[in-house]
């Protein structure tokens, strides 16, 4: 099998596992991000702390032709589990922005966490997305390879 074929199987399984077959999400977006670097900041009492900036693309019925940029203050605990503490902004093709704070453990190649829509000076939410500030979304992700992550934000 080629590596593309091997990648399609996990992405297909993720797509089918994200939303129950009978539920239609009220809000949904998908994104693919690329980690641009991973810099060890140091150690904490809880484990190793990394600075991980990322960029990517987002789309779906609620975000059209979006771009993503952000940073994860990733903690790898002493047991080997990664803990996501990411801030990001998605900008759609019209220039409106939705920003979020994503948290949760990443124990395997699959991630299950949550994102809360925020509106701060560093991470603004603007235009048509202002009404969802404060909303919490479920986030599921798949590590496609070491530097690329596919994730889905949704609420039902």
C-alpha atoms as a PDB file:
ATOM      1  CA  UNK A   1       0.000   0.000   0.000  1.00  0.00           C
ATOM      2  CA  UNK A   2       1.144   3.505  -0.633  1.00  0.00           C
ATOM      3  CA  UNK A   3       1.434   6.050   2.157  1.00  0.00           C
ATOM      4  CA  UNK A   4      -1.518   7.991   0.682  1.00  0.00           C
ATOM      5  CA  UNK A   5      -3.715   4.915   0.915  1.00  0.00           C
ATOM      6  CA  UNK A   6      -2.597   4.331   4.505  1.00  0.00           C
ATOM      7  CA  UNK A   7      -3.468   7.939   5.353  1.00  0.00           C
ATOM      8  CA  UNK A   8      -6.952   7.737   3.813  1.00  0.00           C
ATOM      9  CA  UNK A   9      -8.066   4.894   6.067  1.00  0.00           C
ATOM     10  CA  UNK A  10      -7.551   6.763   9.374  1.00  0.00           C
ATOM     11  CA  UNK A  11      -9.063   9.954   7.921  1.00  0.00           C
ATOM     12  CA  UNK A  12     -12.117   8.008   6.743  1.00  0.00           C
ATOM     13  CA  UNK A  13     -12.494   6.341  10.131  1.00  0.00           C
ATOM     14  CA  UNK A  14     -12.200   9.731  11.831  1.00  0.00           C
ATOM     15  CA  UNK A  15     -14.856  11.222   9.572  1.00  0.00           C
ATOM     16  CA  UNK A  16     -17.299   8.444  10.423  1.00  0.00           C
ATOM     17  CA  UNK A  17     -16.529   8.583  14.150  1.00  0.00           C
ATOM     18  CA  UNK A  18     -16.867  12.340  14.600  1.00  0.00           C
ATOM     19  CA  UNK A  19     -20.635  12.748  14.360  1.00  0.00           C
ATOM     20  CA  UNK A  20     -23.205  10.086  15.193  1.00  0.00           C
ATOM     21  CA  UNK A  21     -24.989   8.919  12.040  1.00  0.00           C
ATOM     22  CA  UNK A  22     -28.376  10.393  13.016  1.00  0.00           C
ATOM     23  CA  UNK A  23     -27.131  13.703  14.419  1.00  0.00           C
ATOM     24  CA  UNK A  24     -26.566  16.721  12.238  1.00  0.00           C
ATOM     25  CA  UNK A  25     -24.141  19.156  13.842  1.00  0.00           C
ATOM     26  CA  UNK A  26     -25.428  22.674  14.380  1.00  0.00           C
ATOM     27  CA  UNK A  27     -21.930  24.030  13.678  1.00  0.00           C
ATOM     28  CA  UNK A  28     -19.022  22.243  12.040  1.00  0.00           C
ATOM     29  CA  UNK A  29     -15.582  22.921  10.604  1.00  0.00           C
ATOM     30  CA  UNK A  30     -12.575  20.868   9.582  1.00  0.00           C
ATOM     31  CA  UNK A  31      -8.981  22.031   9.552  1.00  0.00           C
ATOM     32  CA  UNK A  32      -5.610  20.687   8.569  1.00  0.00           C
ATOM     33  CA  UNK A  33      -2.640  22.282  10.281  1.00  0.00           C
ATOM     34  CA  UNK A  34       1.089  21.979   9.834  1.00  0.00           C
ATOM     35  CA  UNK A  35       3.375  22.380  12.822  1.00  0.00           C
ATOM     36  CA  UNK A  36       6.071  24.848  11.768  1.00  0.00           C
ATOM     37  CA  UNK A  37       8.473  24.048  14.621  1.00  0.00           C
ATOM     38  CA  UNK A  38       8.600  22.422  18.031  1.00  0.00           C
ATOM     39  CA  UNK A  39      10.843  24.216  20.506  1.00  0.00           C
ATOM     40  CA  UNK A  40      11.533  22.849  23.974  1.00  0.00           C
ATOM     41  CA  UNK A  41      10.973  25.715  26.405  1.00  0.00           C
ATOM     42  CA  UNK A  42      12.045  23.734  29.453  1.00  0.00           C
ATOM     43  CA  UNK A  43      10.766  21.487  32.170  1.00  0.00           C
ATOM     44  CA  UNK A  44       8.009  22.094  34.682  1.00  0.00           C
ATOM     45  CA  UNK A  45       6.948  20.049  37.709  1.00  0.00           C
ATOM     46  CA  UNK A  46       4.497  18.331  35.301  1.00  0.00           C
ATOM     47  CA  UNK A  47       6.809  17.506  32.373  1.00  0.00           C
ATOM     48  CA  UNK A  48       8.408  19.020  29.278  1.00  0.00           C
ATOM     49  CA  UNK A  49       6.897  22.237  27.893  1.00  0.00           C
ATOM     50  CA  UNK A  50       7.103  22.953  24.146  1.00  0.00           C
ATOM     51  CA  UNK A  51       6.299  26.010  22.034  1.00  0.00           C
ATOM     52  CA  UNK A  52       4.593  24.739  18.848  1.00  0.00           C
ATOM     53  CA  UNK A  53       3.416  27.325  16.267  1.00  0.00           C
ATOM     54  CA  UNK A  54       1.219  26.104  13.408  1.00  0.00           C
ATOM     55  CA  UNK A  55      -0.516  27.245  10.211  1.00  0.00           C
ATOM     56  CA  UNK A  56      -3.098  25.601   7.990  1.00  0.00           C
ATOM     57  CA  UNK A  57      -6.441  25.704   6.227  1.00  0.00           C
ATOM     58  CA  UNK A  58     -10.041  25.314   7.432  1.00  0.00           C
ATOM     59  CA  UNK A  59     -13.341  24.716   5.692  1.00  0.00           C
ATOM     60  CA  UNK A  60     -16.811  23.325   5.977  1.00  0.00           C
ATOM     61  CA  UNK A  61     -20.346  24.705   5.936  1.00  0.00           C
ATOM     62  CA  UNK A  62     -19.556  27.325   8.592  1.00  0.00           C
ATOM     63  CA  UNK A  63     -16.095  28.419   7.390  1.00  0.00           C
ATOM     64  CA  UNK A  64     -15.463  28.969   3.694  1.00  0.00           C
ATOM     65  CA  UNK A  65     -11.846  28.948   2.427  1.00  0.00           C
ATOM     66  CA  UNK A  66     -10.337  29.693   5.816  1.00  0.00           C
ATOM     67  CA  UNK A  67      -6.756  29.946   6.984  1.00  0.00           C
ATOM     68  CA  UNK A  68      -5.555  28.925  10.438  1.00  0.00           C
ATOM     69  CA  UNK A  69      -2.676  30.175  12.537  1.00  0.00           C
ATOM     70  CA  UNK A  70      -1.857  29.704  16.180  1.00  0.00           C
ATOM     71  CA  UNK A  71       0.417  28.309  18.837  1.00  0.00           C
ATOM     72  CA  UNK A  72       0.269  25.358  21.184  1.00  0.00           C
ATOM     73  CA  UNK A  73       1.963  25.447  24.588  1.00  0.00           C
ATOM     74  CA  UNK A  74       2.251  21.669  24.522  1.00  0.00           C
ATOM     75  CA  UNK A  75       3.073  19.783  27.708  1.00  0.00           C
ATOM     76  CA  UNK A  76       4.478  16.249  27.554  1.00  0.00           C
ATOM     77  CA  UNK A  77       3.903  14.833  31.012  1.00  0.00           C
ATOM     78  CA  UNK A  78       6.247  12.431  32.766  1.00  0.00           C
ATOM     79  CA  UNK A  79       4.009   9.531  31.672  1.00  0.00           C
ATOM     80  CA  UNK A  80       4.428  10.404  27.978  1.00  0.00           C
ATOM     81  CA  UNK A  81       0.961  11.927  27.442  1.00  0.00           C
ATOM     82  CA  UNK A  82       0.763  15.224  25.549  1.00  0.00           C
ATOM     83  CA  UNK A  83      -1.574  17.937  26.825  1.00  0.00           C
ATOM     84  CA  UNK A  84      -2.774  20.485  24.260  1.00  0.00           C
ATOM     85  CA  UNK A  85      -3.096  24.148  25.313  1.00  0.00           C
ATOM     86  CA  UNK A  86      -3.499  25.825  21.919  1.00  0.00           C
ATOM     87  CA  UNK A  87      -4.703  29.254  20.843  1.00  0.00           C
ATOM     88  CA  UNK A  88      -5.695  29.813  17.229  1.00  0.00           C
ATOM     89  CA  UNK A  89      -7.435  32.163  14.842  1.00  0.00           C
ATOM     90  CA  UNK A  90      -9.272  31.060  11.712  1.00  0.00           C
ATOM     91  CA  UNK A  91      -9.825  33.755   9.089  1.00  0.00           C
ATOM     92  CA  UNK A  92     -12.435  33.095   6.395  1.00  0.00           C
ATOM     93  CA  UNK A  93     -12.329  34.322   2.787  1.00  0.00           C
ATOM     94  CA  UNK A  94     -14.251  37.487   3.744  1.00  0.00           C
ATOM     95  CA  UNK A  95     -11.756  38.415   6.476  1.00  0.00           C
ATOM     96  CA  UNK A  96     -13.976  37.535   9.456  1.00  0.00           C
ATOM     97  CA  UNK A  97     -12.173  35.733  12.265  1.00  0.00           C
ATOM     98  CA  UNK A  98     -13.053  33.120  14.853  1.00  0.00           C
ATOM     99  CA  UNK A  99     -10.539  32.424  17.601  1.00  0.00           C
ATOM    100  CA  UNK A 100     -10.392  29.574  20.039  1.00  0.00           C
ATOM    101  CA  UNK A 101      -8.600  28.012  22.944  1.00  0.00           C
ATOM    102  CA  UNK A 102      -8.252  24.221  22.560  1.00  0.00           C
ATOM    103  CA  UNK A 103      -7.433  21.965  25.505  1.00  0.00           C
ATOM    104  CA  UNK A 104      -7.272  18.267  26.170  1.00  0.00           C
ATOM    105  CA  UNK A 105      -4.970  15.267  26.450  1.00  0.00           C
ATOM    106  CA  UNK A 106      -3.444  13.685  23.357  1.00  0.00           C
ATOM    107  CA  UNK A 107      -2.605  10.164  24.570  1.00  0.00           C
ATOM    108  CA  UNK A 108      -2.455   8.477  21.136  1.00  0.00           C
ATOM    109  CA  UNK A 109      -2.686   9.457  17.488  1.00  0.00           C
ATOM    110  CA  UNK A 110      -6.320  10.507  18.150  1.00  0.00           C
ATOM    111  CA  UNK A 111      -7.173  13.673  20.086  1.00  0.00           C
ATOM    112  CA  UNK A 112     -10.415  14.408  21.906  1.00  0.00           C
ATOM    113  CA  UNK A 113     -10.736  17.772  23.573  1.00  0.00           C
ATOM    114  CA  UNK A 114     -12.695  20.965  23.571  1.00  0.00           C
ATOM    115  CA  UNK A 115     -12.411  24.430  22.097  1.00  0.00           C
ATOM    116  CA  UNK A 116     -13.915  27.562  23.540  1.00  0.00           C
ATOM    117  CA  UNK A 117     -14.454  30.516  21.228  1.00  0.00           C
ATOM    118  CA  UNK A 118     -12.580  33.517  22.621  1.00  0.00           C
ATOM    119  CA  UNK A 119     -12.232  37.198  21.787  1.00  0.00           C
ATOM    120  CA  UNK A 120      -8.996  38.751  23.059  1.00  0.00           C
ATOM    121  CA  UNK A 121      -6.553  41.330  21.707  1.00  0.00           C
ATOM    122  CA  UNK A 122      -4.164  38.577  20.554  1.00  0.00           C
ATOM    123  CA  UNK A 123      -6.915  36.234  19.344  1.00  0.00           C
ATOM    124  CA  UNK A 124      -9.871  38.280  18.052  1.00  0.00           C
ATOM    125  CA  UNK A 125     -13.253  36.959  16.948  1.00  0.00           C
ATOM    126  CA  UNK A 126     -14.915  39.348  14.482  1.00  0.00           C
ATOM    127  CA  UNK A 127     -17.867  39.852  12.138  1.00  0.00           C
ATOM    128  CA  UNK A 128     -20.349  37.029  11.750  1.00  0.00           C
ATOM    129  CA  UNK A 129     -18.618  34.866  14.404  1.00  0.00           C
ATOM    130  CA  UNK A 130     -19.046  37.279  17.359  1.00  0.00           C
ATOM    131  CA  UNK A 131     -22.310  35.534  18.326  1.00  0.00           C
ATOM    132  CA  UNK A 132     -20.454  32.285  19.151  1.00  0.00           C
ATOM    133  CA  UNK A 133     -17.922  33.838  21.573  1.00  0.00           C
ATOM    134  CA  UNK A 134     -18.061  31.773  24.760  1.00  0.00           C
ATOM    135  CA  UNK A 135     -19.401  28.681  22.968  1.00  0.00           C
ATOM    136  CA  UNK A 136     -17.641  25.412  23.710  1.00  0.00           C
ATOM    137  CA  UNK A 137     -17.084  22.971  20.849  1.00  0.00           C
ATOM    138  CA  UNK A 138     -16.031  19.363  20.813  1.00  0.00           C
ATOM    139  CA  UNK A 139     -12.717  18.858  19.012  1.00  0.00           C
ATOM    140  CA  UNK A 140     -11.466  15.598  17.549  1.00  0.00           C
ATOM    141  CA  UNK A 141      -8.180  15.249  15.763  1.00  0.00           C
ATOM    142  CA  UNK A 142      -5.930  12.802  14.034  1.00  0.00           C
ATOM    143  CA  UNK A 143      -2.167  13.022  13.843  1.00  0.00           C
ATOM    144  CA  UNK A 144      -1.600  12.449  10.113  1.00  0.00           C
ATOM    145  CA  UNK A 145       2.165  12.469  10.524  1.00  0.00           C
ATOM    146  CA  UNK A 146       4.577  14.141  12.947  1.00  0.00           C
ATOM    147  CA  UNK A 147       4.050  17.651  11.545  1.00  0.00           C
ATOM    148  CA  UNK A 148       0.457  17.514  10.203  1.00  0.00           C
ATOM    149  CA  UNK A 149      -2.804  17.298  12.144  1.00  0.00           C
ATOM    150  CA  UNK A 150      -6.364  17.017  10.848  1.00  0.00           C
ATOM    151  CA  UNK A 151      -9.079  18.117  13.294  1.00  0.00           C
ATOM    152  CA  UNK A 152     -12.815  18.754  13.447  1.00  0.00           C
ATOM    153  CA  UNK A 153     -14.686  21.320  15.600  1.00  0.00           C
ATOM    154  CA  UNK A 154     -18.393  20.817  16.118  1.00  0.00           C
ATOM    155  CA  UNK A 155     -21.356  21.097  18.416  1.00  0.00           C
ATOM    156  CA  UNK A 156     -24.737  19.427  18.019  1.00  0.00           C
END
